[in-house]
């Protein structure tokens, strides 16, 4: 992850975070309403959706994994993360290999 600047880009502190083999897709959102976006990543070979804070460290309060989103078999991409329907709760939209869009409240 790099900062946006007029000068040559430089890596942010803590990045790149170690990425497990098989990590396929990413999305960003403010999980804990601290005005600092976290990165969600899906690691297919261990079936886990994990979160990293803006310094590249694991978010310990993030408890969701493949079991919490069991209907998202064969996930291909995390398309969006945020309050989609305005209910003050976060949702994740994912696309599976059959190109079916699915939304999950988190």
PDB file of N, CA and C in Angstrom:
ATOM      1  N   UNK A   1       0.851  -1.164   0.000  1.00  0.00           N
ATOM      2  CA  UNK A   1       0.000   0.000   0.000  1.00  0.00           C
ATOM      3  C   UNK A   1       0.897   1.227   0.000  1.00  0.00           C
ATOM      4  N   UNK A   2       0.577   2.184  -0.847  1.00  0.00           N
ATOM      5  CA  UNK A   2       1.407   3.373  -0.941  1.00  0.00           C
ATOM      6  C   UNK A   2       0.566   4.623  -0.708  1.00  0.00           C
ATOM      7  N   UNK A   3       1.221   5.694  -0.326  1.00  0.00           N
ATOM      8  CA  UNK A   3       0.525   6.957  -0.124  1.00  0.00           C
ATOM      9  C   UNK A   3       0.404   7.682  -1.453  1.00  0.00           C
ATOM     10  N   UNK A   4      -0.642   8.498  -1.576  1.00  0.00           N
ATOM     11  CA  UNK A   4      -0.804   9.301  -2.778  1.00  0.00           C
ATOM     12  C   UNK A   4      -0.094  10.624  -2.541  1.00  0.00           C
ATOM     13  N   UNK A   5       0.803  10.984  -3.429  1.00  0.00           N
ATOM     14  CA  UNK A   5       1.571  12.204  -3.231  1.00  0.00           C
ATOM     15  C   UNK A   5       2.090  12.702  -4.570  1.00  0.00           C
ATOM     16  N   UNK A   6       2.527  13.951  -4.583  1.00  0.00           N
ATOM     17  CA  UNK A   6       3.151  14.510  -5.773  1.00  0.00           C
ATOM     18  C   UNK A   6       4.569  13.965  -5.933  1.00  0.00           C
ATOM     19  N   UNK A   7       5.169  13.603  -4.827  1.00  0.00           N
ATOM     20  CA  UNK A   7       6.517  13.046  -4.835  1.00  0.00           C
ATOM     21  C   UNK A   7       6.438  11.560  -5.201  1.00  0.00           C
ATOM     22  N   UNK A   8       7.579  10.914  -5.415  1.00  0.00           N
ATOM     23  CA  UNK A   8       7.547   9.466  -5.662  1.00  0.00           C
ATOM     24  C   UNK A   8       6.843   8.735  -4.515  1.00  0.00           C
ATOM     25  N   UNK A   9       6.067   7.733  -4.857  1.00  0.00           N
ATOM     26  CA  UNK A   9       5.296   6.984  -3.856  1.00  0.00           C
ATOM     27  C   UNK A   9       6.234   6.245  -2.906  1.00  0.00           C
ATOM     28  N   UNK A  10       5.853   6.239  -1.634  1.00  0.00           N
ATOM     29  CA  UNK A  10       6.624   5.518  -0.621  1.00  0.00           C
ATOM     30  C   UNK A  10       5.688   4.592   0.139  1.00  0.00           C
ATOM     31  N   UNK A  11       6.150   3.421   0.538  1.00  0.00           N
ATOM     32  CA  UNK A  11       5.283   2.498   1.278  1.00  0.00           C
ATOM     33  C   UNK A  11       4.853   3.090   2.618  1.00  0.00           C
ATOM     34  N   UNK A  12       3.614   2.794   3.027  1.00  0.00           N
ATOM     35  CA  UNK A  12       3.136   3.186   4.343  1.00  0.00           C
ATOM     36  C   UNK A  12       3.774   2.305   5.404  1.00  0.00           C
ATOM     37  N   UNK A  13       3.902   2.822   6.603  1.00  0.00           N
ATOM     38  CA  UNK A  13       4.440   2.052   7.725  1.00  0.00           C
ATOM     39  C   UNK A  13       3.579   0.812   7.920  1.00  0.00           C
ATOM     40  N   UNK A  14       4.203  -0.342   8.093  1.00  0.00           N
ATOM     41  CA  UNK A  14       3.468  -1.579   8.330  1.00  0.00           C
ATOM     42  C   UNK A  14       3.084  -2.334   7.073  1.00  0.00           C
ATOM     43  N   UNK A  15       3.219  -1.708   5.910  1.00  0.00           N
ATOM     44  CA  UNK A  15       2.849  -2.358   4.663  1.00  0.00           C
ATOM     45  C   UNK A  15       4.116  -2.627   3.859  1.00  0.00           C
ATOM     46  N   UNK A  16       4.206  -3.641   3.043  1.00  0.00           N
ATOM     47  CA  UNK A  16       3.123  -4.590   2.843  1.00  0.00           C
ATOM     48  C   UNK A  16       3.005  -5.549   4.009  1.00  0.00           C
ATOM     49  N   UNK A  17       1.783  -5.834   4.358  1.00  0.00           N
ATOM     50  CA  UNK A  17       1.526  -6.814   5.402  1.00  0.00           C
ATOM     51  C   UNK A  17       1.740  -8.199   4.817  1.00  0.00           C
ATOM     52  N   UNK A  18       2.178  -9.158   5.626  1.00  0.00           N
ATOM     53  CA  UNK A  18       2.294 -10.521   5.097  1.00  0.00           C
ATOM     54  C   UNK A  18       0.946 -11.006   4.555  1.00  0.00           C
ATOM     55  N   UNK A  19       0.938 -11.500   3.353  1.00  0.00           N
ATOM     56  CA  UNK A  19      -0.291 -11.968   2.718  1.00  0.00           C
ATOM     57  C   UNK A  19      -0.200 -13.478   2.574  1.00  0.00           C
ATOM     58  N   UNK A  20      -1.150 -14.220   3.176  1.00  0.00           N
ATOM     59  CA  UNK A  20      -1.104 -15.677   3.059  1.00  0.00           C
ATOM     60  C   UNK A  20      -1.207 -16.120   1.603  1.00  0.00           C
ATOM     61  N   UNK A  21      -0.589 -17.243   1.251  1.00  0.00           N
ATOM     62  CA  UNK A  21      -0.737 -17.775  -0.102  1.00  0.00           C
ATOM     63  C   UNK A  21      -2.213 -17.972  -0.417  1.00  0.00           C
ATOM     64  N   UNK A  22      -2.613 -17.662  -1.633  1.00  0.00           N
ATOM     65  CA  UNK A  22      -3.998 -17.857  -2.039  1.00  0.00           C
ATOM     66  C   UNK A  22      -4.892 -16.668  -1.758  1.00  0.00           C
ATOM     67  N   UNK A  23      -4.348 -15.555  -1.261  1.00  0.00           N
ATOM     68  CA  UNK A  23      -5.172 -14.370  -1.039  1.00  0.00           C
ATOM     69  C   UNK A  23      -5.545 -13.791  -2.391  1.00  0.00           C
ATOM     70  N   UNK A  24      -6.854 -13.709  -2.636  1.00  0.00           N
ATOM     71  CA  UNK A  24      -7.323 -13.358  -3.968  1.00  0.00           C
ATOM     72  C   UNK A  24      -7.911 -11.970  -4.097  1.00  0.00           C
ATOM     73  N   UNK A  25      -8.617 -11.493  -3.093  1.00  0.00           N
ATOM     74  CA  UNK A  25      -9.372 -10.278  -3.309  1.00  0.00           C
ATOM     75  C   UNK A  25      -9.408  -9.418  -2.061  1.00  0.00           C
ATOM     76  N   UNK A  26      -9.618  -8.150  -2.282  1.00  0.00           N
ATOM     77  CA  UNK A  26      -9.533  -7.176  -1.212  1.00  0.00           C
ATOM     78  C   UNK A  26     -10.675  -6.178  -1.326  1.00  0.00           C
ATOM     79  N   UNK A  27     -11.012  -5.536  -0.227  1.00  0.00           N
ATOM     80  CA  UNK A  27     -11.948  -4.421  -0.194  1.00  0.00           C
ATOM     81  C   UNK A  27     -11.572  -3.575   1.008  1.00  0.00           C
ATOM     82  N   UNK A  28     -12.085  -2.364   1.083  1.00  0.00           N
ATOM     83  CA  UNK A  28     -11.789  -1.497   2.221  1.00  0.00           C
ATOM     84  C   UNK A  28     -13.072  -0.958   2.829  1.00  0.00           C
ATOM     85  N   UNK A  29     -13.033  -0.687   4.119  1.00  0.00           N
ATOM     86  CA  UNK A  29     -14.157  -0.098   4.824  1.00  0.00           C
ATOM     87  C   UNK A  29     -13.753   0.227   6.242  1.00  0.00           C
ATOM     88  N   UNK A  30     -14.544   1.067   6.889  1.00  0.00           N
ATOM     89  CA  UNK A  30     -14.262   1.458   8.267  1.00  0.00           C
ATOM     90  C   UNK A  30     -15.023   0.522   9.196  1.00  0.00           C
ATOM     91  N   UNK A  31     -14.372  -0.533   9.651  1.00  0.00           N
ATOM     92  CA  UNK A  31     -15.016  -1.554  10.481  1.00  0.00           C
ATOM     93  C   UNK A  31     -15.440  -1.043  11.847  1.00  0.00           C
ATOM     94  N   UNK A  32     -14.625  -0.219  12.458  1.00  0.00           N
ATOM     95  CA  UNK A  32     -14.867   0.163  13.850  1.00  0.00           C
ATOM     96  C   UNK A  32     -15.144   1.655  14.031  1.00  0.00           C
ATOM     97  N   UNK A  33     -15.502   2.318  12.946  1.00  0.00           N
ATOM     98  CA  UNK A  33     -15.894   3.731  12.965  1.00  0.00           C
ATOM     99  C   UNK A  33     -14.853   4.629  13.627  1.00  0.00           C
ATOM    100  N   UNK A  34     -13.565   4.361  13.340  1.00  0.00           N
ATOM    101  CA  UNK A  34     -12.498   5.202  13.879  1.00  0.00           C
ATOM    102  C   UNK A  34     -11.938   6.155  12.821  1.00  0.00           C
ATOM    103  N   UNK A  35     -12.645   6.273  11.696  1.00  0.00           N
ATOM    104  CA  UNK A  35     -12.251   7.129  10.567  1.00  0.00           C
ATOM    105  C   UNK A  35     -10.952   6.678   9.915  1.00  0.00           C
ATOM    106  N   UNK A  36     -10.563   5.436  10.146  1.00  0.00           N
ATOM    107  CA  UNK A  36      -9.388   4.845   9.506  1.00  0.00           C
ATOM    108  C   UNK A  36      -9.859   3.568   8.809  1.00  0.00           C
ATOM    109  N   UNK A  37      -9.716   3.520   7.497  1.00  0.00           N
ATOM    110  CA  UNK A  37     -10.214   2.373   6.754  1.00  0.00           C
ATOM    111  C   UNK A  37      -9.379   1.129   7.008  1.00  0.00           C
ATOM    112  N   UNK A  38     -10.071   0.000   7.120  1.00  0.00           N
ATOM    113  CA  UNK A  38      -9.422  -1.298   7.231  1.00  0.00           C
ATOM    114  C   UNK A  38      -9.515  -2.010   5.881  1.00  0.00           C
ATOM    115  N   UNK A  39      -8.633  -2.970   5.674  1.00  0.00           N
ATOM    116  CA  UNK A  39      -8.615  -3.752   4.444  1.00  0.00           C
ATOM    117  C   UNK A  39      -9.154  -5.138   4.756  1.00  0.00           C
ATOM    118  N   UNK A  40     -10.158  -5.570   3.992  1.00  0.00           N
ATOM    119  CA  UNK A  40     -10.651  -6.944   4.083  1.00  0.00           C
ATOM    120  C   UNK A  40      -9.957  -7.749   3.007  1.00  0.00           C
ATOM    121  N   UNK A  41      -9.569  -8.972   3.335  1.00  0.00           N
ATOM    122  CA  UNK A  41      -8.954  -9.841   2.333  1.00  0.00           C
ATOM    123  C   UNK A  41      -9.560 -11.232   2.470  1.00  0.00           C
ATOM    124  N   UNK A  42      -9.700 -11.890   1.348  1.00  0.00           N
ATOM    125  CA  UNK A  42     -10.218 -13.259   1.338  1.00  0.00           C
ATOM    126  C   UNK A  42      -9.100 -14.191   0.909  1.00  0.00           C
ATOM    127  N   UNK A  43      -8.816 -15.188   1.733  1.00  0.00           N
ATOM    128  CA  UNK A  43      -7.784 -16.177   1.446  1.00  0.00           C
ATOM    129  C   UNK A  43      -8.478 -17.496   1.146  1.00  0.00           C
ATOM    130  N   UNK A  44      -8.501 -17.862  -0.130  1.00  0.00           N
ATOM    131  CA  UNK A  44      -9.294 -19.001  -0.582  1.00  0.00           C
ATOM    132  C   UNK A  44      -8.821 -20.324  -0.004  1.00  0.00           C
ATOM    133  N   UNK A  45      -7.520 -20.564   0.027  1.00  0.00           N
ATOM    134  CA  UNK A  45      -7.059 -21.896   0.415  1.00  0.00           C
ATOM    135  C   UNK A  45      -7.270 -22.201   1.891  1.00  0.00           C
ATOM    136  N   UNK A  46      -7.514 -21.166   2.725  1.00  0.00           N
ATOM    137  CA  UNK A  46      -7.869 -21.443   4.118  1.00  0.00           C
ATOM    138  C   UNK A  46      -9.282 -20.972   4.423  1.00  0.00           C
ATOM    139  N   UNK A  47     -10.005 -20.478   3.397  1.00  0.00           N
ATOM    140  CA  UNK A  47     -11.403 -20.108   3.540  1.00  0.00           C
ATOM    141  C   UNK A  47     -11.654 -19.068   4.604  1.00  0.00           C
ATOM    142  N   UNK A  48     -10.905 -17.982   4.589  1.00  0.00           N
ATOM    143  CA  UNK A  48     -11.037 -17.008   5.655  1.00  0.00           C
ATOM    144  C   UNK A  48     -11.097 -15.596   5.096  1.00  0.00           C
ATOM    145  N   UNK A  49     -12.005 -14.800   5.674  1.00  0.00           N
ATOM    146  CA  UNK A  49     -12.029 -13.375   5.393  1.00  0.00           C
ATOM    147  C   UNK A  49     -11.444 -12.698   6.616  1.00  0.00           C
ATOM    148  N   UNK A  50     -10.350 -11.994   6.432  1.00  0.00           N
ATOM    149  CA  UNK A  50      -9.701 -11.337   7.562  1.00  0.00           C
ATOM    150  C   UNK A  50      -9.595  -9.844   7.291  1.00  0.00           C
ATOM    151  N   UNK A  51      -9.273  -9.080   8.326  1.00  0.00           N
ATOM    152  CA  UNK A  51      -9.185  -7.631   8.207  1.00  0.00           C
ATOM    153  C   UNK A  51      -7.839  -7.150   8.725  1.00  0.00           C
ATOM    154  N   UNK A  52      -7.300  -6.132   8.059  1.00  0.00           N
ATOM    155  CA  UNK A  52      -6.054  -5.493   8.468  1.00  0.00           C
ATOM    156  C   UNK A  52      -6.342  -4.024   8.732  1.00  0.00           C
ATOM    157  N   UNK A  53      -5.714  -3.464   9.766  1.00  0.00           N
ATOM    158  CA  UNK A  53      -5.917  -2.041  10.033  1.00  0.00           C
ATOM    159  C   UNK A  53      -5.055  -1.206   9.088  1.00  0.00           C
ATOM    160  N   UNK A  54      -5.156   0.120   9.208  1.00  0.00           N
ATOM    161  CA  UNK A  54      -4.463   0.994   8.260  1.00  0.00           C
ATOM    162  C   UNK A  54      -2.950   0.978   8.428  1.00  0.00           C
ATOM    163  N   UNK A  55      -2.451   0.283   9.433  1.00  0.00           N
ATOM    164  CA  UNK A  55      -1.009   0.107   9.588  1.00  0.00           C
ATOM    165  C   UNK A  55      -0.565  -1.292   9.183  1.00  0.00           C
ATOM    166  N   UNK A  56      -1.487  -2.091   8.627  1.00  0.00           N
ATOM    167  CA  UNK A  56      -1.145  -3.418   8.143  1.00  0.00           C
ATOM    168  C   UNK A  56      -1.205  -4.516   9.178  1.00  0.00           C
ATOM    169  N   UNK A  57      -1.730  -4.222  10.366  1.00  0.00           N
ATOM    170  CA  UNK A  57      -1.815  -5.222  11.433  1.00  0.00           C
ATOM    171  C   UNK A  57      -3.200  -5.862  11.457  1.00  0.00           C
ATOM    172  N   UNK A  58      -3.323  -7.134  11.855  1.00  0.00           N
ATOM    173  CA  UNK A  58      -4.637  -7.785  11.928  1.00  0.00           C
ATOM    174  C   UNK A  58      -5.575  -7.053  12.888  1.00  0.00           C
ATOM    175  N   UNK A  59      -6.848  -6.964  12.502  1.00  0.00           N
ATOM    176  CA  UNK A  59      -7.874  -6.371  13.362  1.00  0.00           C
ATOM    177  C   UNK A  59      -8.386  -7.481  14.268  1.00  0.00           C
ATOM    178  N   UNK A  60      -8.075  -7.399  15.547  1.00  0.00           N
ATOM    179  CA  UNK A  60      -8.413  -8.492  16.468  1.00  0.00           C
ATOM    180  C   UNK A  60      -9.904  -8.588  16.739  1.00  0.00           C
ATOM    181  N   UNK A  61     -10.652  -7.509  16.527  1.00  0.00           N
ATOM    182  CA  UNK A  61     -12.094  -7.553  16.781  1.00  0.00           C
ATOM    183  C   UNK A  61     -12.878  -8.131  15.607  1.00  0.00           C
ATOM    184  N   UNK A  62     -12.211  -8.373  14.464  1.00  0.00           N
ATOM    185  CA  UNK A  62     -12.897  -8.921  13.282  1.00  0.00           C
ATOM    186  C   UNK A  62     -13.046 -10.420  13.469  1.00  0.00           C
ATOM    187  N   UNK A  63     -14.282 -10.899  13.576  1.00  0.00           N
ATOM    188  CA  UNK A  63     -14.513 -12.309  13.906  1.00  0.00           C
ATOM    189  C   UNK A  63     -15.087 -13.109  12.760  1.00  0.00           C
ATOM    190  N   UNK A  64     -15.343 -12.490  11.623  1.00  0.00           N
ATOM    191  CA  UNK A  64     -16.011 -13.192  10.537  1.00  0.00           C
ATOM    192  C   UNK A  64     -15.021 -14.024   9.739  1.00  0.00           C
ATOM    193  N   UNK A  65     -15.468 -15.201   9.331  1.00  0.00           N
ATOM    194  CA  UNK A  65     -14.652 -16.046   8.472  1.00  0.00           C
ATOM    195  C   UNK A  65     -15.592 -16.782   7.540  1.00  0.00           C
ATOM    196  N   UNK A  66     -15.133 -17.818   6.888  1.00  0.00           N
ATOM    197  CA  UNK A  66     -15.961 -18.519   5.914  1.00  0.00           C
ATOM    198  C   UNK A  66     -17.233 -19.077   6.543  1.00  0.00           C
ATOM    199  N   UNK A  67     -17.180 -19.503   7.808  1.00  0.00           N
ATOM    200  CA  UNK A  67     -18.375 -20.038   8.451  1.00  0.00           C
ATOM    201  C   UNK A  67     -19.447 -18.973   8.619  1.00  0.00           C
ATOM    202  N   UNK A  68     -19.045 -17.730   8.862  1.00  0.00           N
ATOM    203  CA  UNK A  68     -20.010 -16.658   9.042  1.00  0.00           C
ATOM    204  C   UNK A  68     -20.662 -16.266   7.727  1.00  0.00           C
ATOM    205  N   UNK A  69     -20.031 -16.597   6.611  1.00  0.00           N
ATOM    206  CA  UNK A  69     -20.580 -16.302   5.294  1.00  0.00           C
ATOM    207  C   UNK A  69     -20.621 -17.588   4.482  1.00  0.00           C
ATOM    208  N   UNK A  70     -21.201 -18.618   5.067  1.00  0.00           N
ATOM    209  CA  UNK A  70     -21.145 -19.956   4.482  1.00  0.00           C
ATOM    210  C   UNK A  70     -21.767 -20.017   3.098  1.00  0.00           C
ATOM    211  N   UNK A  71     -22.719 -19.135   2.797  1.00  0.00           N
ATOM    212  CA  UNK A  71     -23.358 -19.150   1.489  1.00  0.00           C
ATOM    213  C   UNK A  71     -22.476 -18.629   0.386  1.00  0.00           C
ATOM    214  N   UNK A  72     -21.329 -18.094   0.718  1.00  0.00           N
ATOM    215  CA  UNK A  72     -20.462 -17.496  -0.293  1.00  0.00           C
ATOM    216  C   UNK A  72     -19.419 -18.491  -0.773  1.00  0.00           C
ATOM    217  N   UNK A  73     -19.853 -19.709  -1.057  1.00  0.00           N
ATOM    218  CA  UNK A  73     -18.917 -20.719  -1.549  1.00  0.00           C
ATOM    219  C   UNK A  73     -18.304 -20.264  -2.869  1.00  0.00           C
ATOM    220  N   UNK A  74     -17.081 -20.642  -3.089  1.00  0.00           N
ATOM    221  CA  UNK A  74     -16.361 -20.282  -4.313  1.00  0.00           C
ATOM    222  C   UNK A  74     -16.339 -18.777  -4.536  1.00  0.00           C
ATOM    223  N   UNK A  75     -16.055 -18.038  -3.483  1.00  0.00           N
ATOM    224  CA  UNK A  75     -15.974 -16.586  -3.621  1.00  0.00           C
ATOM    225  C   UNK A  75     -14.897 -16.235  -4.629  1.00  0.00           C
ATOM    226  N   UNK A  76     -15.201 -15.266  -5.431  1.00  0.00           N
ATOM    227  CA  UNK A  76     -14.232 -14.834  -6.429  1.00  0.00           C
ATOM    228  C   UNK A  76     -13.744 -13.421  -6.145  1.00  0.00           C
ATOM    229  N   UNK A  77     -14.599 -12.596  -5.604  1.00  0.00           N
ATOM    230  CA  UNK A  77     -14.203 -11.217  -5.408  1.00  0.00           C
ATOM    231  C   UNK A  77     -15.076 -10.562  -4.354  1.00  0.00           C
ATOM    232  N   UNK A  78     -14.488  -9.676  -3.546  1.00  0.00           N
ATOM    233  CA  UNK A  78     -15.246  -8.806  -2.660  1.00  0.00           C
ATOM    234  C   UNK A  78     -15.422  -7.509  -3.431  1.00  0.00           C
ATOM    235  N   UNK A  79     -16.660  -7.208  -3.802  1.00  0.00           N
ATOM    236  CA  UNK A  79     -16.887  -6.062  -4.657  1.00  0.00           C
ATOM    237  C   UNK A  79     -17.076  -4.765  -3.893  1.00  0.00           C
ATOM    238  N   UNK A  80     -17.701  -4.840  -2.720  1.00  0.00           N
ATOM    239  CA  UNK A  80     -18.027  -3.615  -2.002  1.00  0.00           C
ATOM    240  C   UNK A  80     -18.142  -3.915  -0.526  1.00  0.00           C
ATOM    241  N   UNK A  81     -17.774  -2.946   0.287  1.00  0.00           N
ATOM    242  CA  UNK A  81     -17.885  -3.071   1.727  1.00  0.00           C
ATOM    243  C   UNK A  81     -18.357  -1.728   2.244  1.00  0.00           C
ATOM    244  N   UNK A  82     -19.510  -1.687   2.900  1.00  0.00           N
ATOM    245  CA  UNK A  82     -20.036  -0.438   3.436  1.00  0.00           C
ATOM    246  C   UNK A  82     -21.494  -0.583   3.797  1.00  0.00           C
ATOM    247  N   UNK A  83     -22.123   0.512   4.181  1.00  0.00           N
ATOM    248  CA  UNK A  83     -23.547   0.509   4.526  1.00  0.00           C
ATOM    249  C   UNK A  83     -24.346   0.699   3.247  1.00  0.00           C
ATOM    250  N   UNK A  84     -24.724  -0.385   2.615  1.00  0.00           N
ATOM    251  CA  UNK A  84     -25.367  -0.352   1.309  1.00  0.00           C
ATOM    252  C   UNK A  84     -26.809   0.122   1.398  1.00  0.00           C
ATOM    253  N   UNK A  85     -27.537  -0.345   2.413  1.00  0.00           N
ATOM    254  CA  UNK A  85     -28.969  -0.059   2.495  1.00  0.00           C
ATOM    255  C   UNK A  85     -29.338   1.019   3.512  1.00  0.00           C
ATOM    256  N   UNK A  86     -28.364   1.709   4.074  1.00  0.00           N
ATOM    257  CA  UNK A  86     -28.631   2.823   4.967  1.00  0.00           C
ATOM    258  C   UNK A  86     -29.160   2.450   6.334  1.00  0.00           C
ATOM    259  N   UNK A  87     -28.929   1.204   6.768  1.00  0.00           N
ATOM    260  CA  UNK A  87     -29.450   0.760   8.067  1.00  0.00           C
ATOM    261  C   UNK A  87     -28.424   0.897   9.189  1.00  0.00           C
ATOM    262  N   UNK A  88     -27.336   1.610   8.943  1.00  0.00           N
ATOM    263  CA  UNK A  88     -26.263   1.823   9.917  1.00  0.00           C
ATOM    264  C   UNK A  88     -25.476   0.549  10.232  1.00  0.00           C
ATOM    265  N   UNK A  89     -25.615  -0.490   9.399  1.00  0.00           N
ATOM    266  CA  UNK A  89     -24.851  -1.726   9.553  1.00  0.00           C
ATOM    267  C   UNK A  89     -24.053  -1.959   8.281  1.00  0.00           C
ATOM    268  N   UNK A  90     -22.880  -2.545   8.443  1.00  0.00           N
ATOM    269  CA  UNK A  90     -22.020  -2.787   7.292  1.00  0.00           C
ATOM    270  C   UNK A  90     -22.451  -4.035   6.536  1.00  0.00           C
ATOM    271  N   UNK A  91     -22.316  -3.983   5.216  1.00  0.00           N
ATOM    272  CA  UNK A  91     -22.590  -5.135   4.367  1.00  0.00           C
ATOM    273  C   UNK A  91     -21.401  -5.370   3.443  1.00  0.00           C
ATOM    274  N   UNK A  92     -21.291  -6.611   2.983  1.00  0.00           N
ATOM    275  CA  UNK A  92     -20.271  -6.988   2.008  1.00  0.00           C
ATOM    276  C   UNK A  92     -20.990  -7.582   0.812  1.00  0.00           C
ATOM    277  N   UNK A  93     -20.673  -7.114  -0.382  1.00  0.00           N
ATOM    278  CA  UNK A  93     -21.191  -7.737  -1.601  1.00  0.00           C
ATOM    279  C   UNK A  93     -20.058  -8.553  -2.194  1.00  0.00           C
ATOM    280  N   UNK A  94     -20.371  -9.807  -2.522  1.00  0.00           N
ATOM    281  CA  UNK A  94     -19.364 -10.697  -3.081  1.00  0.00           C
ATOM    282  C   UNK A  94     -19.884 -11.308  -4.369  1.00  0.00           C
ATOM    283  N   UNK A  95     -18.979 -11.706  -5.217  1.00  0.00           N
ATOM    284  CA  UNK A  95     -19.290 -12.371  -6.471  1.00  0.00           C
ATOM    285  C   UNK A  95     -18.677 -13.755  -6.420  1.00  0.00           C
ATOM    286  N   UNK A  96     -19.497 -14.803  -6.665  1.00  0.00           N
ATOM    287  CA  UNK A  96     -18.915 -16.145  -6.668  1.00  0.00           C
ATOM    288  C   UNK A  96     -18.537 -16.541  -8.093  1.00  0.00           C
ATOM    289  N   UNK A  97     -17.983 -17.727  -8.234  1.00  0.00           N
ATOM    290  CA  UNK A  97     -17.480 -18.152  -9.544  1.00  0.00           C
ATOM    291  C   UNK A  97     -18.576 -18.307 -10.590  1.00  0.00           C
ATOM    292  N   UNK A  98     -19.831 -18.472 -10.147  1.00  0.00           N
ATOM    293  CA  UNK A  98     -20.955 -18.551 -11.079  1.00  0.00           C
ATOM    294  C   UNK A  98     -21.490 -17.171 -11.422  1.00  0.00           C
ATOM    295  N   UNK A  99     -20.788 -16.131 -10.974  1.00  0.00           N
ATOM    296  CA  UNK A  99     -21.149 -14.742 -11.199  1.00  0.00           C
ATOM    297  C   UNK A  99     -22.487 -14.384 -10.573  1.00  0.00           C
ATOM    298  N   UNK A 100     -22.790 -14.985  -9.427  1.00  0.00           N
ATOM    299  CA  UNK A 100     -23.951 -14.608  -8.632  1.00  0.00           C
ATOM    300  C   UNK A 100     -23.497 -13.588  -7.603  1.00  0.00           C
ATOM    301  N   UNK A 101     -24.195 -12.466  -7.533  1.00  0.00           N
ATOM    302  CA  UNK A 101     -23.885 -11.448  -6.534  1.00  0.00           C
ATOM    303  C   UNK A 101     -24.607 -11.790  -5.243  1.00  0.00           C
ATOM    304  N   UNK A 102     -23.927 -11.678  -4.124  1.00  0.00           N
ATOM    305  CA  UNK A 102     -24.527 -11.967  -2.824  1.00  0.00           C
ATOM    306  C   UNK A 102     -24.137 -10.866  -1.854  1.00  0.00           C
ATOM    307  N   UNK A 103     -25.076 -10.510  -0.966  1.00  0.00           N
ATOM    308  CA  UNK A 103     -24.798  -9.487   0.025  1.00  0.00           C
ATOM    309  C   UNK A 103     -24.921 -10.091   1.406  1.00  0.00           C
ATOM    310  N   UNK A 104     -23.976  -9.761   2.276  1.00  0.00           N
ATOM    311  CA  UNK A 104     -23.947 -10.287   3.637  1.00  0.00           C
ATOM    312  C   UNK A 104     -23.818  -9.136   4.607  1.00  0.00           C
ATOM    313  N   UNK A 105     -24.651  -9.130   5.639  1.00  0.00           N
ATOM    314  CA  UNK A 105     -24.525  -8.135   6.697  1.00  0.00           C
ATOM    315  C   UNK A 105     -23.397  -8.565   7.619  1.00  0.00           C
ATOM    316  N   UNK A 106     -22.575  -7.622   8.012  1.00  0.00           N
ATOM    317  CA  UNK A 106     -21.496  -7.922   8.946  1.00  0.00           C
ATOM    318  C   UNK A 106     -21.600  -7.003  10.140  1.00  0.00           C
TER     319      UNK A 106
END
